[in-house]
């Protein structure tokens, strides 16, 4: 990031109220999560041709939903353990 842009942002952040700072933090976390999801999708799309060439059967919507639910449950458990 350009140093002057960073300084400008930090100056603006310092002037925010605690509530506004919390909103900024939430938004930054949202952007990071969005980028992480996009990267995961890109990785999946990269391996999709190899899976198809290997003759792997596609997952049903129910199987995908079950996998997503399992991962979410695992993440909830991990966040509770922090």
N, C-alpha and C. Protein backbone atom coordinates (compact mmCIF):
# COMPACT_ATOMS: atom_id res chain seq x y z
N UNK A 1 0.85 -1.17 0.00
CA UNK A 1 0.00 0.00 0.00
C UNK A 1 0.90 1.24 0.00
N UNK A 2 0.51 2.23 -0.75
CA UNK A 2 1.23 3.49 -0.81
C UNK A 2 1.25 4.11 0.59
N UNK A 3 2.42 4.61 1.01
CA UNK A 3 2.58 5.16 2.36
C UNK A 3 1.65 6.34 2.61
N UNK A 4 1.44 7.19 1.61
CA UNK A 4 0.57 8.34 1.83
C UNK A 4 -0.89 7.91 1.96
N UNK A 5 -1.29 6.90 1.22
CA UNK A 5 -2.65 6.37 1.36
C UNK A 5 -2.83 5.78 2.75
N UNK A 6 -1.84 5.02 3.18
CA UNK A 6 -1.91 4.41 4.51
C UNK A 6 -1.98 5.48 5.59
N UNK A 7 -1.17 6.51 5.49
CA UNK A 7 -1.20 7.60 6.48
C UNK A 7 -2.55 8.30 6.47
N UNK A 8 -3.09 8.53 5.29
CA UNK A 8 -4.40 9.18 5.16
C UNK A 8 -5.49 8.33 5.82
N UNK A 9 -5.47 7.02 5.55
CA UNK A 9 -6.45 6.13 6.17
C UNK A 9 -6.31 6.11 7.69
N UNK A 10 -5.09 6.00 8.17
CA UNK A 10 -4.87 5.95 9.61
C UNK A 10 -5.34 7.23 10.28
N UNK A 11 -5.13 8.38 9.63
CA UNK A 11 -5.59 9.65 10.17
C UNK A 11 -7.12 9.65 10.28
N UNK A 12 -7.78 9.15 9.28
CA UNK A 12 -9.24 9.09 9.30
C UNK A 12 -9.73 8.10 10.35
N UNK A 13 -9.06 6.98 10.48
CA UNK A 13 -9.45 5.96 11.47
C UNK A 13 -9.32 6.51 12.88
N UNK A 14 -8.25 7.24 13.15
CA UNK A 14 -8.04 7.80 14.49
C UNK A 14 -9.15 8.77 14.90
N UNK A 15 -9.80 9.37 13.92
CA UNK A 15 -10.85 10.36 14.21
C UNK A 15 -12.22 9.72 14.45
N UNK A 16 -12.33 8.41 14.28
CA UNK A 16 -13.63 7.74 14.40
C UNK A 16 -13.99 7.47 15.86
N UNK A 17 -15.30 7.37 16.09
CA UNK A 17 -15.80 7.00 17.41
C UNK A 17 -15.61 5.50 17.62
N UNK A 18 -15.70 5.03 18.86
CA UNK A 18 -15.58 3.59 19.10
C UNK A 18 -16.58 2.76 18.28
N UNK A 19 -17.82 3.25 18.17
CA UNK A 19 -18.83 2.53 17.39
C UNK A 19 -18.41 2.46 15.93
N UNK A 20 -17.93 3.56 15.39
CA UNK A 20 -17.49 3.57 14.00
C UNK A 20 -16.29 2.66 13.79
N UNK A 21 -15.38 2.63 14.76
CA UNK A 21 -14.23 1.74 14.68
C UNK A 21 -14.68 0.28 14.62
N UNK A 22 -15.69 -0.06 15.41
CA UNK A 22 -16.23 -1.42 15.39
C UNK A 22 -16.80 -1.74 14.02
N UNK A 23 -17.48 -0.78 13.40
CA UNK A 23 -18.04 -0.98 12.06
C UNK A 23 -16.92 -1.17 11.02
N UNK A 24 -15.87 -0.38 11.15
CA UNK A 24 -14.73 -0.52 10.23
C UNK A 24 -14.11 -1.90 10.39
N UNK A 25 -13.94 -2.33 11.63
CA UNK A 25 -13.37 -3.65 11.89
C UNK A 25 -14.24 -4.75 11.28
N UNK A 26 -15.55 -4.65 11.46
CA UNK A 26 -16.47 -5.63 10.86
C UNK A 26 -16.34 -5.65 9.35
N UNK A 27 -16.25 -4.47 8.75
CA UNK A 27 -16.14 -4.41 7.29
C UNK A 27 -14.83 -5.00 6.80
N UNK A 28 -13.74 -4.72 7.50
CA UNK A 28 -12.44 -5.29 7.12
C UNK A 28 -12.49 -6.81 7.23
N UNK A 29 -13.10 -7.32 8.28
CA UNK A 29 -13.25 -8.77 8.43
C UNK A 29 -14.10 -9.35 7.31
N UNK A 30 -15.16 -8.63 6.93
CA UNK A 30 -16.00 -9.07 5.81
C UNK A 30 -15.18 -9.15 4.53
N UNK A 31 -14.39 -8.12 4.25
CA UNK A 31 -13.57 -8.12 3.04
C UNK A 31 -12.57 -9.27 3.04
N UNK A 32 -11.96 -9.54 4.20
CA UNK A 32 -11.00 -10.63 4.30
C UNK A 32 -11.69 -11.98 4.07
N UNK A 33 -12.87 -12.16 4.64
CA UNK A 33 -13.62 -13.41 4.45
C UNK A 33 -14.02 -13.58 2.99
N UNK A 34 -14.43 -12.48 2.37
CA UNK A 34 -14.82 -12.52 0.96
C UNK A 34 -13.63 -12.93 0.09
N UNK A 35 -12.46 -12.39 0.37
CA UNK A 35 -11.26 -12.74 -0.39
C UNK A 35 -10.89 -14.21 -0.16
N UNK A 36 -11.05 -14.67 1.07
CA UNK A 36 -10.74 -16.07 1.39
C UNK A 36 -11.67 -17.02 0.64
N UNK A 37 -12.96 -16.68 0.60
CA UNK A 37 -13.93 -17.51 -0.13
C UNK A 37 -13.61 -17.53 -1.61
N UNK A 38 -13.24 -16.37 -2.15
CA UNK A 38 -12.91 -16.29 -3.58
C UNK A 38 -11.68 -17.14 -3.89
N UNK A 39 -10.69 -17.09 -3.02
CA UNK A 39 -9.48 -17.90 -3.22
C UNK A 39 -9.81 -19.39 -3.17
N UNK A 40 -10.70 -19.78 -2.26
CA UNK A 40 -11.10 -21.19 -2.18
C UNK A 40 -11.84 -21.61 -3.44
N UNK A 41 -12.71 -20.75 -3.94
CA UNK A 41 -13.42 -21.06 -5.19
C UNK A 41 -12.45 -21.18 -6.35
N UNK A 42 -11.49 -20.27 -6.41
CA UNK A 42 -10.49 -20.34 -7.47
C UNK A 42 -9.70 -21.64 -7.42
N UNK A 43 -9.34 -22.09 -6.19
CA UNK A 43 -8.62 -23.37 -6.05
C UNK A 43 -9.49 -24.53 -6.52
N UNK A 44 -10.78 -24.49 -6.17
CA UNK A 44 -11.70 -25.54 -6.57
C UNK A 44 -11.83 -25.58 -8.09
N UNK A 45 -11.98 -24.42 -8.69
CA UNK A 45 -12.11 -24.37 -10.14
C UNK A 45 -10.84 -24.85 -10.84
N UNK A 46 -9.71 -24.68 -10.21
CA UNK A 46 -8.44 -25.13 -10.77
C UNK A 46 -8.37 -26.66 -10.81
N UNK A 47 -8.90 -27.32 -9.80
CA UNK A 47 -8.81 -28.78 -9.76
C UNK A 47 -10.00 -29.48 -10.40
N UNK A 48 -11.06 -28.74 -10.72
CA UNK A 48 -12.27 -29.35 -11.29
C UNK A 48 -11.98 -30.16 -12.55
N UNK A 49 -11.18 -29.68 -13.50
CA UNK A 49 -10.91 -30.50 -14.70
C UNK A 49 -10.20 -31.82 -14.36
N UNK A 50 -9.31 -31.79 -13.39
CA UNK A 50 -8.60 -33.01 -13.00
C UNK A 50 -9.57 -34.02 -12.39
N UNK A 51 -10.50 -33.53 -11.58
CA UNK A 51 -11.50 -34.42 -10.98
C UNK A 51 -12.38 -35.04 -12.06
N UNK A 52 -12.77 -34.23 -13.01
CA UNK A 52 -13.62 -34.73 -14.09
C UNK A 52 -12.86 -35.76 -14.92
N UNK A 53 -11.59 -35.49 -15.22
CA UNK A 53 -10.77 -36.42 -16.01
C UNK A 53 -10.55 -37.73 -15.27
N UNK A 54 -10.53 -37.68 -13.95
CA UNK A 54 -10.32 -38.88 -13.15
C UNK A 54 -11.58 -39.71 -13.03
N UNK A 55 -12.68 -39.19 -13.54
CA UNK A 55 -13.94 -39.93 -13.49
C UNK A 55 -14.63 -39.86 -12.15
N UNK A 56 -14.29 -38.87 -11.35
CA UNK A 56 -14.91 -38.70 -10.04
C UNK A 56 -16.36 -38.29 -10.20
N UNK A 57 -17.23 -38.96 -9.48
CA UNK A 57 -18.65 -38.64 -9.53
C UNK A 57 -18.91 -37.30 -8.87
N UNK A 58 -19.72 -36.45 -9.48
CA UNK A 58 -20.04 -35.17 -8.83
C UNK A 58 -20.87 -35.40 -7.58
N UNK A 59 -20.73 -34.51 -6.62
CA UNK A 59 -21.51 -34.61 -5.39
C UNK A 59 -22.92 -34.09 -5.63
N UNK A 60 -23.86 -34.68 -4.92
CA UNK A 60 -25.24 -34.19 -4.99
C UNK A 60 -25.35 -32.92 -4.15
N UNK A 61 -26.43 -32.18 -4.35
CA UNK A 61 -26.64 -30.98 -3.54
C UNK A 61 -26.76 -31.33 -2.06
N UNK A 62 -27.35 -32.48 -1.77
CA UNK A 62 -27.49 -32.91 -0.38
C UNK A 62 -26.13 -33.21 0.23
N UNK A 63 -25.24 -33.85 -0.54
CA UNK A 63 -23.90 -34.15 -0.04
C UNK A 63 -23.11 -32.87 0.20
N UNK A 64 -23.25 -31.92 -0.69
CA UNK A 64 -22.56 -30.64 -0.53
C UNK A 64 -23.07 -29.93 0.72
N UNK A 65 -24.39 -29.90 0.89
CA UNK A 65 -24.98 -29.25 2.06
C UNK A 65 -24.51 -29.92 3.35
N UNK A 66 -24.40 -31.23 3.34
CA UNK A 66 -23.92 -31.95 4.53
C UNK A 66 -22.47 -31.60 4.83
N UNK A 67 -21.64 -31.51 3.79
CA UNK A 67 -20.24 -31.15 3.98
C UNK A 67 -20.11 -29.73 4.55
N UNK A 68 -20.88 -28.81 3.99
CA UNK A 68 -20.85 -27.42 4.46
C UNK A 68 -21.29 -27.36 5.92
N UNK A 69 -22.35 -28.07 6.25
CA UNK A 69 -22.84 -28.08 7.63
C UNK A 69 -21.79 -28.65 8.58
N UNK A 70 -21.10 -29.68 8.16
CA UNK A 70 -20.07 -30.29 9.01
C UNK A 70 -18.92 -29.32 9.25
N UNK A 71 -18.49 -28.63 8.21
CA UNK A 71 -17.38 -27.68 8.36
C UNK A 71 -17.80 -26.52 9.25
N UNK A 72 -19.02 -26.03 9.06
CA UNK A 72 -19.50 -24.93 9.90
C UNK A 72 -19.59 -25.34 11.37
N UNK A 73 -20.05 -26.55 11.62
CA UNK A 73 -20.14 -27.05 13.00
C UNK A 73 -18.75 -27.15 13.61
N UNK A 74 -17.79 -27.62 12.82
CA UNK A 74 -16.41 -27.74 13.30
C UNK A 74 -15.84 -26.36 13.63
N UNK A 75 -16.10 -25.39 12.78
CA UNK A 75 -15.60 -24.03 13.03
C UNK A 75 -16.25 -23.43 14.27
N UNK A 76 -17.55 -23.70 14.47
CA UNK A 76 -18.21 -23.19 15.68
C UNK A 76 -17.55 -23.77 16.92
N UNK A 77 -17.27 -25.06 16.90
CA UNK A 77 -16.63 -25.71 18.02
C UNK A 77 -15.24 -25.13 18.28
N UNK A 78 -14.50 -24.88 17.21
CA UNK A 78 -13.16 -24.31 17.35
C UNK A 78 -13.23 -22.89 17.92
N UNK A 79 -14.21 -22.10 17.49
CA UNK A 79 -14.31 -20.73 17.98
C UNK A 79 -14.74 -20.70 19.45
N UNK A 80 -15.51 -21.69 19.88
CA UNK A 80 -15.90 -21.77 21.28
C UNK A 80 -14.72 -22.13 22.17
N UNK A 81 -13.77 -22.88 21.61
CA UNK A 81 -12.62 -23.33 22.37
C UNK A 81 -11.53 -22.28 22.52
N UNK A 82 -11.70 -21.13 21.89
CA UNK A 82 -10.66 -20.09 21.96
C UNK A 82 -10.55 -19.48 23.31
